[in-house]
C-alpha cells in the first residue's frame, strides 16, 4: 500500500475549500478592522454579557455550525438555506449580542 502524499487522502471539494476560505477571510477582515479601529469597544448586548467583536464573531461561527448540523439532521431542504440563515444570524449577533 502506498502512503498518500499531500492532501490526496482528504475529501476536498469546492464546498470545503469555500468554507475554509470564508473562515480565513473573516479572520483577515477582523484583523484589518482591529488594526483600523483598535479595542473593539466591549459592549453589553441583549444577553447582558460584555462582548467584543472577536467574541461576537466566535458566537456567530459557533451558532452557524450548530444551525448547519441541526439543518442536516432535521431538514431535507438544501443547505444553502441554512447558510443564508446563518448569515442573518451573524448580522443579528453583531448588532444585538
N, C-alpha and C. Protein backbone atom coordinates (compact mmCIF):
# COMPACT_ATOMS: atom_id res chain seq x y z
N UNK A 1 0.85 -1.18 0.00
CA UNK A 1 0.00 0.00 0.00
C UNK A 1 0.89 1.24 0.00
N UNK A 2 0.53 2.18 -0.85
CA UNK A 2 1.34 3.39 -0.97
C UNK A 2 0.82 4.46 -0.01
N UNK A 3 1.73 5.15 0.64
CA UNK A 3 1.38 6.22 1.55
C UNK A 3 0.94 7.44 0.76
N UNK A 4 -0.25 8.01 1.10
CA UNK A 4 -0.70 9.19 0.36
C UNK A 4 0.17 10.40 0.66
N UNK A 5 0.38 11.21 -0.34
CA UNK A 5 1.17 12.42 -0.15
C UNK A 5 0.29 13.64 -0.40
N UNK A 6 0.60 14.74 0.21
CA UNK A 6 -0.18 15.96 0.04
C UNK A 6 -1.56 15.83 0.68
N UNK A 7 -2.56 16.38 0.01
CA UNK A 7 -3.92 16.34 0.53
C UNK A 7 -4.79 15.34 -0.20
N UNK A 8 -4.20 14.41 -0.92
CA UNK A 8 -4.95 13.43 -1.67
C UNK A 8 -5.82 12.53 -0.81
N UNK A 9 -5.46 12.35 0.46
CA UNK A 9 -6.21 11.48 1.35
C UNK A 9 -7.48 12.14 1.87
N UNK A 10 -7.58 13.47 1.71
CA UNK A 10 -8.74 14.20 2.21
C UNK A 10 -9.82 14.29 1.15
N UNK A 11 -11.03 14.44 1.59
CA UNK A 11 -12.16 14.58 0.67
C UNK A 11 -12.40 16.08 0.38
N UNK A 12 -11.45 16.71 -0.28
CA UNK A 12 -11.58 18.12 -0.59
C UNK A 12 -12.55 18.30 -1.75
N UNK A 13 -13.52 19.13 -1.54
CA UNK A 13 -14.45 19.52 -2.60
C UNK A 13 -14.41 21.03 -2.69
N UNK A 14 -15.07 21.59 -3.69
CA UNK A 14 -15.07 23.04 -3.80
C UNK A 14 -15.82 23.65 -2.63
N UNK A 15 -16.83 22.95 -2.09
CA UNK A 15 -17.58 23.47 -0.94
C UNK A 15 -16.68 23.54 0.30
N UNK A 16 -15.83 22.54 0.46
CA UNK A 16 -14.90 22.54 1.59
C UNK A 16 -13.90 23.68 1.46
N UNK A 17 -13.41 23.89 0.26
CA UNK A 17 -12.47 24.99 0.02
C UNK A 17 -13.12 26.34 0.29
N UNK A 18 -14.37 26.52 -0.16
CA UNK A 18 -15.08 27.78 0.07
C UNK A 18 -15.29 27.99 1.57
N UNK A 19 -15.64 26.94 2.28
CA UNK A 19 -15.83 27.03 3.73
C UNK A 19 -14.59 27.58 4.42
N UNK A 20 -13.42 26.99 4.12
CA UNK A 20 -12.19 27.43 4.77
C UNK A 20 -11.74 28.80 4.28
N UNK A 21 -12.02 29.12 3.03
CA UNK A 21 -11.69 30.46 2.53
C UNK A 21 -12.54 31.53 3.20
N UNK A 22 -13.81 31.22 3.45
CA UNK A 22 -14.67 32.19 4.15
C UNK A 22 -14.18 32.40 5.58
N UNK A 23 -13.82 31.32 6.27
CA UNK A 23 -13.29 31.46 7.63
C UNK A 23 -12.01 32.31 7.62
N UNK A 24 -11.12 32.04 6.68
CA UNK A 24 -9.87 32.82 6.58
C UNK A 24 -10.17 34.28 6.26
N UNK A 25 -11.12 34.53 5.36
CA UNK A 25 -11.48 35.90 5.01
C UNK A 25 -12.09 36.64 6.20
N UNK A 26 -12.91 35.95 6.98
CA UNK A 26 -13.48 36.58 8.18
C UNK A 26 -12.39 36.94 9.19
N UNK A 27 -11.46 36.04 9.40
CA UNK A 27 -10.36 36.33 10.33
C UNK A 27 -9.49 37.48 9.83
N UNK A 28 -9.23 37.51 8.53
CA UNK A 28 -8.46 38.61 7.95
C UNK A 28 -9.21 39.93 8.08
N UNK A 29 -10.51 39.91 7.79
CA UNK A 29 -11.32 41.13 7.91
C UNK A 29 -11.35 41.63 9.35
N UNK A 30 -11.47 40.70 10.30
CA UNK A 30 -11.48 41.12 11.71
C UNK A 30 -10.12 41.69 12.12
N UNK A 31 -9.05 41.10 11.60
CA UNK A 31 -7.72 41.63 11.89
C UNK A 31 -7.53 43.03 11.33
N UNK A 32 -7.98 43.24 10.10
CA UNK A 32 -7.88 44.56 9.49
C UNK A 32 -8.75 45.58 10.22
N UNK A 33 -9.95 45.15 10.63
CA UNK A 33 -10.84 46.03 11.38
C UNK A 33 -10.20 46.42 12.71
N UNK A 34 -9.58 45.47 13.38
CA UNK A 34 -8.90 45.74 14.65
C UNK A 34 -7.71 46.68 14.44
N UNK A 35 -7.02 46.50 13.34
CA UNK A 35 -5.89 47.38 13.03
C UNK A 35 -6.35 48.81 12.79
N UNK A 36 -7.49 48.94 12.11
CA UNK A 36 -8.02 50.27 11.78
C UNK A 36 -8.64 50.96 13.00
N UNK A 37 -9.40 50.20 13.78
CA UNK A 37 -10.04 50.73 14.99
C UNK A 37 -9.74 49.79 16.15
N UNK A 38 -8.61 50.00 16.84
CA UNK A 38 -8.21 49.08 17.92
C UNK A 38 -9.20 49.09 19.09
N UNK A 39 -9.22 47.98 19.79
CA UNK A 39 -10.01 47.92 21.02
C UNK A 39 -11.32 47.18 20.86
N UNK A 40 -12.06 47.46 19.84
CA UNK A 40 -13.32 46.78 19.63
C UNK A 40 -14.42 47.20 20.58
N UNK A 41 -14.15 48.13 21.46
CA UNK A 41 -15.11 48.67 22.43
C UNK A 41 -16.13 47.64 22.91
N UNK A 42 -15.78 46.90 23.96
CA UNK A 42 -16.74 45.93 24.50
C UNK A 42 -18.06 46.61 24.84
N UNK A 43 -19.15 45.88 24.60
CA UNK A 43 -20.47 46.45 24.89
C UNK A 43 -21.39 45.37 25.45
N UNK A 44 -22.42 45.82 26.13
CA UNK A 44 -23.41 44.91 26.70
C UNK A 44 -24.53 44.71 25.68
N UNK A 45 -24.85 43.45 25.44
CA UNK A 45 -25.91 43.14 24.49
C UNK A 45 -27.16 42.68 25.19
N UNK A 46 -28.05 42.06 24.43
CA UNK A 46 -29.33 41.63 24.99
C UNK A 46 -29.18 40.47 25.98
N UNK A 47 -28.07 39.76 25.92
CA UNK A 47 -27.83 38.68 26.87
C UNK A 47 -27.26 39.18 28.20
N UNK A 48 -26.91 40.46 28.26
CA UNK A 48 -26.35 41.02 29.48
C UNK A 48 -24.86 40.74 29.65
N UNK A 49 -24.22 40.22 28.60
CA UNK A 49 -22.79 39.94 28.64
C UNK A 49 -22.03 41.05 27.95
N UNK A 50 -20.84 41.32 28.42
CA UNK A 50 -19.97 42.28 27.77
C UNK A 50 -19.14 41.54 26.73
N UNK A 51 -19.30 41.90 25.44
CA UNK A 51 -18.62 41.18 24.36
C UNK A 51 -17.85 42.14 23.46
N UNK A 52 -16.77 41.63 22.87
CA UNK A 52 -16.00 42.38 21.88
C UNK A 52 -16.35 41.85 20.49
N UNK A 53 -15.76 42.46 19.47
CA UNK A 53 -16.01 41.99 18.10
C UNK A 53 -15.60 40.54 17.92
N UNK A 54 -14.46 40.17 18.48
CA UNK A 54 -13.98 38.80 18.37
C UNK A 54 -14.92 37.81 19.05
N UNK A 55 -15.46 38.20 20.21
CA UNK A 55 -16.43 37.35 20.89
C UNK A 55 -17.67 37.14 20.03
N UNK A 56 -18.15 38.22 19.42
CA UNK A 56 -19.35 38.13 18.59
C UNK A 56 -19.09 37.30 17.34
N UNK A 57 -17.88 37.38 16.77
CA UNK A 57 -17.54 36.54 15.62
C UNK A 57 -17.53 35.07 16.04
N UNK A 58 -16.93 34.77 17.17
CA UNK A 58 -16.89 33.40 17.66
C UNK A 58 -18.29 32.87 17.90
N UNK A 59 -19.14 33.65 18.54
CA UNK A 59 -20.52 33.23 18.81
C UNK A 59 -21.27 32.99 17.51
N UNK A 60 -21.09 33.87 16.53
CA UNK A 60 -21.81 33.70 15.27
C UNK A 60 -21.30 32.47 14.49
N UNK A 61 -19.99 32.19 14.53
CA UNK A 61 -19.46 30.99 13.87
C UNK A 61 -19.94 29.72 14.57
N UNK A 62 -19.97 29.74 15.88
CA UNK A 62 -20.45 28.59 16.63
C UNK A 62 -21.93 28.35 16.38
N UNK A 63 -22.71 29.42 16.38
CA UNK A 63 -24.15 29.31 16.11
C UNK A 63 -24.39 28.78 14.69
N UNK A 64 -23.58 29.26 13.73
CA UNK A 64 -23.73 28.79 12.35
C UNK A 64 -23.41 27.29 12.25
N UNK A 65 -22.41 26.84 12.97
CA UNK A 65 -22.06 25.41 12.95
C UNK A 65 -23.21 24.57 13.50
N UNK A 66 -23.76 24.97 14.63
CA UNK A 66 -24.87 24.22 15.21
C UNK A 66 -26.12 24.29 14.33
N UNK A 67 -26.37 25.44 13.75
CA UNK A 67 -27.53 25.58 12.85
C UNK A 67 -27.40 24.64 11.65
N UNK A 68 -26.20 24.55 11.08
CA UNK A 68 -25.99 23.66 9.94
C UNK A 68 -26.16 22.19 10.35
N UNK A 69 -25.67 21.82 11.53
CA UNK A 69 -25.83 20.45 11.99
C UNK A 69 -27.30 20.11 12.21
N UNK A 70 -28.03 21.03 12.84
CA UNK A 70 -29.46 20.81 13.03
C UNK A 70 -30.20 20.74 11.70
N UNK A 71 -29.81 21.58 10.78
CA UNK A 71 -30.43 21.60 9.46
C UNK A 71 -30.24 20.25 8.76
N UNK A 72 -29.02 19.73 8.84
CA UNK A 72 -28.75 18.43 8.22
C UNK A 72 -29.55 17.31 8.89
N UNK A 73 -29.73 17.40 10.20
CA UNK A 73 -30.42 16.35 10.93
C UNK A 73 -31.94 16.41 10.76
N UNK A 74 -32.49 17.61 10.66
CA UNK A 74 -33.95 17.75 10.74
C UNK A 74 -34.63 18.20 9.45
N UNK A 75 -33.87 18.55 8.44
CA UNK A 75 -34.49 19.12 7.24
C UNK A 75 -33.98 18.41 5.98
N UNK A 76 -34.81 18.41 4.97
CA UNK A 76 -34.40 17.88 3.67
C UNK A 76 -34.19 19.01 2.66
N UNK A 77 -34.34 20.22 3.11
CA UNK A 77 -34.14 21.38 2.23
C UNK A 77 -32.65 21.53 1.94
N UNK A 78 -32.31 22.22 0.84
CA UNK A 78 -30.89 22.44 0.51
C UNK A 78 -30.16 23.21 1.62
N UNK A 79 -28.90 22.90 1.78
CA UNK A 79 -28.08 23.50 2.84
C UNK A 79 -27.84 24.99 2.62
N UNK A 80 -28.03 25.46 1.40
CA UNK A 80 -27.82 26.88 1.12
C UNK A 80 -28.75 27.75 1.96
N UNK A 81 -29.94 27.23 2.28
CA UNK A 81 -30.87 28.00 3.12
C UNK A 81 -30.33 28.15 4.54
N UNK A 82 -29.69 27.12 5.05
CA UNK A 82 -29.07 27.21 6.37
C UNK A 82 -27.93 28.22 6.36
N UNK A 83 -27.19 28.27 5.24
CA UNK A 83 -26.09 29.22 5.13
C UNK A 83 -26.63 30.65 5.12
N UNK A 84 -27.69 30.89 4.37
CA UNK A 84 -28.29 32.22 4.35
C UNK A 84 -28.84 32.60 5.71
N UNK A 85 -29.49 31.66 6.37
CA UNK A 85 -30.00 31.90 7.72
C UNK A 85 -28.85 32.18 8.70
N UNK A 86 -27.74 31.50 8.53
CA UNK A 86 -26.56 31.74 9.37
C UNK A 86 -26.01 33.15 9.16
N UNK A 87 -26.04 33.62 7.93
CA UNK A 87 -25.61 34.99 7.65
C UNK A 87 -26.48 36.01 8.36
N UNK A 88 -27.79 35.78 8.31
CA UNK A 88 -28.72 36.68 9.02
C UNK A 88 -28.50 36.61 10.53
N UNK A 89 -28.25 35.41 11.01
CA UNK A 89 -27.98 35.23 12.44
C UNK A 89 -26.70 35.97 12.85
N UNK A 90 -25.69 35.94 12.00
CA UNK A 90 -24.44 36.65 12.29
C UNK A 90 -24.66 38.15 12.35
N UNK A 91 -25.48 38.67 11.43
CA UNK A 91 -25.80 40.11 11.46
C UNK A 91 -26.51 40.45 12.75
N UNK A 92 -27.45 39.60 13.17
CA UNK A 92 -28.16 39.83 14.43
C UNK A 92 -27.20 39.80 15.61
N UNK A 93 -26.30 38.82 15.63
CA UNK A 93 -25.35 38.69 16.74
C UNK A 93 -24.46 39.93 16.82
N UNK A 94 -23.97 40.42 15.68
CA UNK A 94 -23.09 41.58 15.69
C UNK A 94 -23.81 42.85 16.09
N UNK A 95 -25.09 42.92 15.84
CA UNK A 95 -25.84 44.14 16.20
C UNK A 95 -26.41 44.11 17.60
N UNK A 96 -26.83 42.94 18.08
CA UNK A 96 -27.59 42.88 19.32
C UNK A 96 -26.92 42.17 20.50
N UNK A 97 -26.01 41.25 20.23
CA UNK A 97 -25.46 40.43 21.34
C UNK A 97 -24.24 41.09 21.94
